[in-house]
């Protein structure tokens, strides 16, 4: 599928899975709530296996081998990985979900005063996005594998849905209280910016990922330019599609 067509598909999926109408948004509480606890994202057995398996990703990658080793570490038989219907994508998704949820604890902002005012909403978004990117460092040499798995047709929709949740989480933690049409554009733009920066990060060889930080800053500055959003989606789609092909070829498939 050509990159432009694929990017349009991704954009449509993003809108359908993550962006709620502003009118409906005004009529109900935020997606997040301090008064209501969210249910655990994974069942106990799933969480036990996946949390143990993620420790094996740096060496074995996002693979069935990592899942089997995780099952053994958690005290289960290898066959227990069958409780994960999406296989290695469930391992990728575990990384995405747990790192998104960790942001509220790993990034803290001053509640008031001059320091908080100086940082501003944009500065907080940048800090949160950068923190989430840096959470990839332990598995950065395996992240291309994860992107290739996410690019498989069966997993594009849930991958984009999780990307939308990340953008929503970042804006929420930054203190965004918009209820108008900007709610759409802010999250759509941040989704594209983050995904493009994550792709860049997989190829960054600079010390402490300094080039990735500069890339993120440049994309944030370009946010208001026409075509920036679609261009970032196209870049992400093109890269992940090629990554998927390369992974399949590495497995001996003729594609």
Protein backbone atom coordinates (compact mmCIF):
# COMPACT_ATOMS: atom_id res chain seq x y z
CA UNK A 1 0.00 0.00 0.00
CA UNK A 2 1.47 3.40 -0.96
CA UNK A 3 2.57 5.57 2.01
CA UNK A 4 0.05 8.37 1.26
CA UNK A 5 -2.87 5.94 1.14
CA UNK A 6 -1.66 4.23 4.30
CA UNK A 7 -1.27 7.55 6.09
CA UNK A 8 -4.85 8.46 5.19
CA UNK A 9 -5.99 5.14 6.63
CA UNK A 10 -4.03 5.83 9.81
CA UNK A 11 -5.51 9.30 10.08
CA UNK A 12 -9.03 7.93 9.73
CA UNK A 13 -8.38 5.26 12.35
CA UNK A 14 -6.90 7.84 14.70
CA UNK A 15 -10.00 10.00 14.42
CA UNK A 16 -12.36 7.08 14.85
CA UNK A 17 -10.65 5.54 17.86
CA UNK A 18 -9.44 8.52 19.85
CA UNK A 19 -11.06 11.82 19.07
CA UNK A 20 -14.42 12.37 20.70
CA UNK A 21 -16.83 15.07 19.45
CA UNK A 22 -16.43 18.35 21.30
CA UNK A 23 -20.17 18.53 22.04
CA UNK A 24 -20.17 15.10 23.66
CA UNK A 25 -16.96 16.03 25.47
CA UNK A 26 -18.75 18.95 27.11
CA UNK A 27 -21.57 16.71 28.28
CA UNK A 28 -19.48 14.26 30.21
CA UNK A 29 -16.43 14.21 32.44
CA UNK A 30 -12.91 13.92 31.12
CA UNK A 31 -11.48 10.58 30.04
CA UNK A 32 -9.34 10.82 33.14
CA UNK A 33 -10.77 11.27 36.60
CA UNK A 34 -9.27 11.76 40.01
CA UNK A 35 -12.47 10.51 41.62
CA UNK A 36 -12.78 7.20 39.77
CA UNK A 37 -10.09 4.55 39.61
CA UNK A 38 -9.43 2.91 36.27
CA UNK A 39 -9.55 -0.90 36.06
CA UNK A 40 -6.21 -2.68 35.62
CA UNK A 41 -5.26 -2.80 31.94
CA UNK A 42 -4.25 -6.47 32.15
CA UNK A 43 -5.56 -9.55 33.92
CA UNK A 44 -3.34 -10.88 36.75
CA UNK A 45 -1.93 -13.81 34.77
CA UNK A 46 -1.34 -11.65 31.71
CA UNK A 47 0.39 -9.01 33.80
CA UNK A 48 2.60 -11.61 35.50
CA UNK A 49 3.77 -13.11 32.21
CA UNK A 50 4.18 -9.82 30.35
CA UNK A 51 5.97 -8.02 33.17
CA UNK A 52 8.46 -10.87 33.36
CA UNK A 53 8.77 -11.14 29.57
CA UNK A 54 9.55 -7.45 29.10
CA UNK A 55 12.81 -7.98 31.02
CA UNK A 56 13.92 -10.37 28.27
CA UNK A 57 13.15 -7.98 25.40
CA UNK A 58 16.57 -6.25 25.39
CA UNK A 59 18.22 -9.63 24.63
CA UNK A 60 15.53 -11.57 22.76
CA UNK A 61 13.44 -8.76 21.29
CA UNK A 62 9.66 -8.63 21.07
CA UNK A 63 9.46 -12.33 20.28
CA UNK A 64 7.77 -15.55 21.30
CA UNK A 65 11.02 -16.55 23.01
CA UNK A 66 10.76 -13.55 25.34
CA UNK A 67 7.15 -14.48 26.11
CA UNK A 68 8.04 -18.09 26.93
CA UNK A 69 10.88 -17.02 29.20
CA UNK A 70 8.53 -14.58 30.90
CA UNK A 71 6.00 -17.35 31.50
CA UNK A 72 8.69 -19.52 33.07
CA UNK A 73 9.92 -16.68 35.27
CA UNK A 74 6.35 -16.08 36.44
CA UNK A 75 5.92 -19.76 37.32
CA UNK A 76 3.83 -20.77 34.31
CA UNK A 77 4.33 -23.38 31.59
CA UNK A 78 5.39 -22.22 28.14
CA UNK A 79 1.93 -23.08 26.82
CA UNK A 80 0.48 -20.46 29.16
CA UNK A 81 1.42 -17.81 26.62
CA UNK A 82 -1.72 -18.92 24.78
CA UNK A 83 -3.71 -16.68 27.13
CA UNK A 84 -2.24 -13.82 25.09
CA UNK A 85 -4.35 -14.03 21.91
CA UNK A 86 -2.30 -11.46 20.01
CA UNK A 87 1.05 -13.05 20.84
CA UNK A 88 4.04 -10.73 20.51
CA UNK A 89 1.80 -7.72 19.88
CA UNK A 90 0.51 -8.13 23.43
CA UNK A 91 4.13 -7.76 24.58
CA UNK A 92 4.56 -4.61 22.50
CA UNK A 93 1.25 -3.28 23.79
CA UNK A 94 2.32 -4.00 27.38
CA UNK A 95 5.34 -1.78 26.90
CA UNK A 96 3.23 0.98 25.38
CA UNK A 97 0.51 0.89 28.03
CA UNK A 98 2.72 0.60 31.10
CA UNK A 99 5.04 3.39 29.98
CA UNK A 100 2.06 5.64 29.24
CA UNK A 101 0.57 5.00 32.67
CA UNK A 102 3.93 5.56 34.34
CA UNK A 103 4.09 9.17 33.16
CA UNK A 104 1.88 10.44 35.96
CA UNK A 105 4.40 9.16 38.52
CA UNK A 106 7.68 9.79 36.70
CA UNK A 107 6.95 13.40 35.73
CA UNK A 108 5.88 15.89 38.38
CA UNK A 109 5.30 19.61 37.85
CA UNK A 110 5.27 22.40 40.45
CA UNK A 111 1.69 23.13 41.49
CA UNK A 112 2.17 26.87 41.29
CA UNK A 113 4.61 29.73 41.53
CA UNK A 114 6.87 31.31 38.97
CA UNK A 115 8.53 28.05 37.95
CA UNK A 116 5.21 26.54 36.95
CA UNK A 117 4.21 29.66 35.03
CA UNK A 118 7.51 29.79 33.18
CA UNK A 119 7.17 26.20 32.04
CA UNK A 120 3.71 26.77 30.59
CA UNK A 121 1.43 24.26 28.88
CA UNK A 122 3.73 23.80 25.87
CA UNK A 123 6.75 23.22 28.07
CA UNK A 124 4.89 20.59 30.06
CA UNK A 125 3.81 18.78 26.89
CA UNK A 126 7.42 18.77 25.72
CA UNK A 127 8.66 17.44 29.07
CA UNK A 128 6.10 14.64 29.11
CA UNK A 129 6.70 13.64 25.48
CA UNK A 130 10.45 13.56 26.05
CA UNK A 131 10.03 11.49 29.23
CA UNK A 132 7.94 8.96 27.33
CA UNK A 133 10.52 8.78 24.55
CA UNK A 134 13.34 8.22 27.04
CA UNK A 135 11.38 5.33 28.53
CA UNK A 136 12.20 3.51 25.27
CA UNK A 137 15.93 3.57 25.97
CA UNK A 138 16.18 0.06 27.53
CA UNK A 139 14.60 -1.44 24.39
CA UNK A 140 15.63 1.13 21.79
CA UNK A 141 17.67 -1.40 19.80
CA UNK A 142 14.50 -3.52 19.59
CA UNK A 143 12.08 -0.71 18.85
CA UNK A 144 12.20 -1.25 15.08
CA UNK A 145 10.86 -4.75 15.70
CA UNK A 146 8.03 -3.28 17.75
CA UNK A 147 7.19 -0.76 15.03
CA UNK A 148 7.15 -3.53 12.42
CA UNK A 149 4.73 -5.57 14.53
CA UNK A 150 2.51 -2.54 15.06
CA UNK A 151 2.46 -1.93 11.30
CA UNK A 152 0.95 -5.33 10.55
CA UNK A 153 -2.63 -4.87 9.24
CA UNK A 154 -4.24 -6.62 12.22
CA UNK A 155 -2.51 -4.31 14.69
CA UNK A 156 -2.60 -0.89 13.01
CA UNK A 157 -5.93 0.04 14.59
CA UNK A 158 -5.06 -0.90 18.21
CA UNK A 159 -1.62 0.69 17.80
CA UNK A 160 -3.18 3.97 16.72
CA UNK A 161 -5.73 3.75 19.52
CA UNK A 162 -2.90 3.47 22.05
CA UNK A 163 -1.07 6.35 20.37
CA UNK A 164 -4.23 8.44 20.78
CA UNK A 165 -4.42 7.52 24.46
CA UNK A 166 -0.81 8.61 24.91
CA UNK A 167 -1.50 11.99 23.32
CA UNK A 168 -4.59 12.39 25.51
CA UNK A 169 -2.61 11.41 28.61
CA UNK A 170 0.14 13.93 27.89
CA UNK A 171 -2.27 16.81 27.33
CA UNK A 172 -4.22 15.86 30.44
CA UNK A 173 -1.13 15.65 32.65
CA UNK A 174 0.09 18.95 31.20
CA UNK A 175 -3.12 20.56 32.45
CA UNK A 176 -5.01 21.10 29.19
CA UNK A 177 -8.64 22.01 29.88
CA UNK A 178 -9.83 22.79 26.36
CA UNK A 179 -13.36 21.67 25.41
CA UNK A 180 -13.60 23.23 21.96
CA UNK A 181 -12.42 22.01 18.56
CA UNK A 182 -8.79 22.51 19.61
CA UNK A 183 -9.19 19.32 21.65
CA UNK A 184 -9.10 17.48 18.33
CA UNK A 185 -6.18 19.28 16.74
CA UNK A 186 -3.95 19.23 19.81
CA UNK A 187 -4.17 15.49 20.21
CA UNK A 188 -3.95 14.73 16.51
CA UNK A 189 -0.88 16.94 16.11
CA UNK A 190 0.84 15.52 19.18
CA UNK A 191 0.15 11.95 18.02
CA UNK A 192 1.86 12.68 14.71
CA UNK A 193 4.76 14.55 16.31
CA UNK A 194 5.41 11.84 18.88
CA UNK A 195 5.26 8.98 16.38
CA UNK A 196 7.61 10.75 13.95
CA UNK A 197 10.06 11.46 16.78
CA UNK A 198 9.93 7.86 17.95
CA UNK A 199 10.82 6.71 14.43
CA UNK A 200 13.73 9.17 14.39
CA UNK A 201 14.89 7.87 17.77
CA UNK A 202 15.38 4.35 16.41
CA UNK A 203 18.14 5.69 14.16
CA UNK A 204 19.65 8.22 16.58
CA UNK A 205 23.29 7.53 17.49
CA UNK A 206 23.95 10.82 19.28
CA UNK A 207 24.98 10.90 22.92
CA UNK A 208 22.03 10.69 25.31
CA UNK A 209 19.72 10.98 22.28
CA UNK A 210 20.44 14.68 21.96
CA UNK A 211 19.45 14.65 18.28
CA UNK A 212 16.08 13.12 19.17
CA UNK A 213 15.46 15.92 21.63
CA UNK A 214 16.31 18.49 18.95
CA UNK A 215 14.07 16.69 16.46
CA UNK A 216 11.17 16.81 18.92
CA UNK A 217 11.72 20.52 19.53
CA UNK A 218 11.77 21.22 15.80
CA UNK A 219 8.54 19.27 15.23
CA UNK A 220 6.82 21.10 18.07
CA UNK A 221 7.93 24.43 16.61
CA UNK A 222 6.66 23.37 13.19
CA UNK A 223 3.33 22.29 14.62
CA UNK A 224 1.48 25.31 13.28
CA UNK A 225 2.77 24.90 9.74
CA UNK A 226 0.38 23.53 7.12
CA UNK A 227 1.01 19.88 6.29
CA UNK A 228 3.10 19.12 9.33
CA UNK A 229 0.56 16.67 10.75
CA UNK A 230 -0.01 14.70 7.54
CA UNK A 231 3.68 14.75 6.74
CA UNK A 232 4.54 13.18 10.09
CA UNK A 233 1.90 10.48 9.66
CA UNK A 234 3.18 9.70 6.18
CA UNK A 235 6.73 9.40 7.51
CA UNK A 236 5.60 7.04 10.27
CA UNK A 237 3.53 4.93 7.87
CA UNK A 238 6.33 4.68 5.32
CA UNK A 239 8.94 3.71 7.88
CA UNK A 240 6.85 1.13 9.73
CA UNK A 241 5.72 -0.46 6.46
CA UNK A 242 9.33 -0.89 5.35
CA UNK A 243 10.28 -2.19 8.81
CA UNK A 244 7.57 -4.83 8.61
CA UNK A 245 8.85 -6.02 5.23
CA UNK A 246 12.43 -6.22 6.50
CA UNK A 247 11.40 -8.23 9.56
CA UNK A 248 9.44 -10.69 7.41
CA UNK A 249 12.43 -11.06 5.09
CA UNK A 250 14.68 -11.74 8.07
CA UNK A 251 12.37 -14.66 8.89
CA UNK A 252 12.99 -16.14 5.43
CA UNK A 253 9.73 -15.06 3.81
CA UNK A 254 9.84 -13.90 0.19
CA UNK A 255 8.11 -10.50 0.19
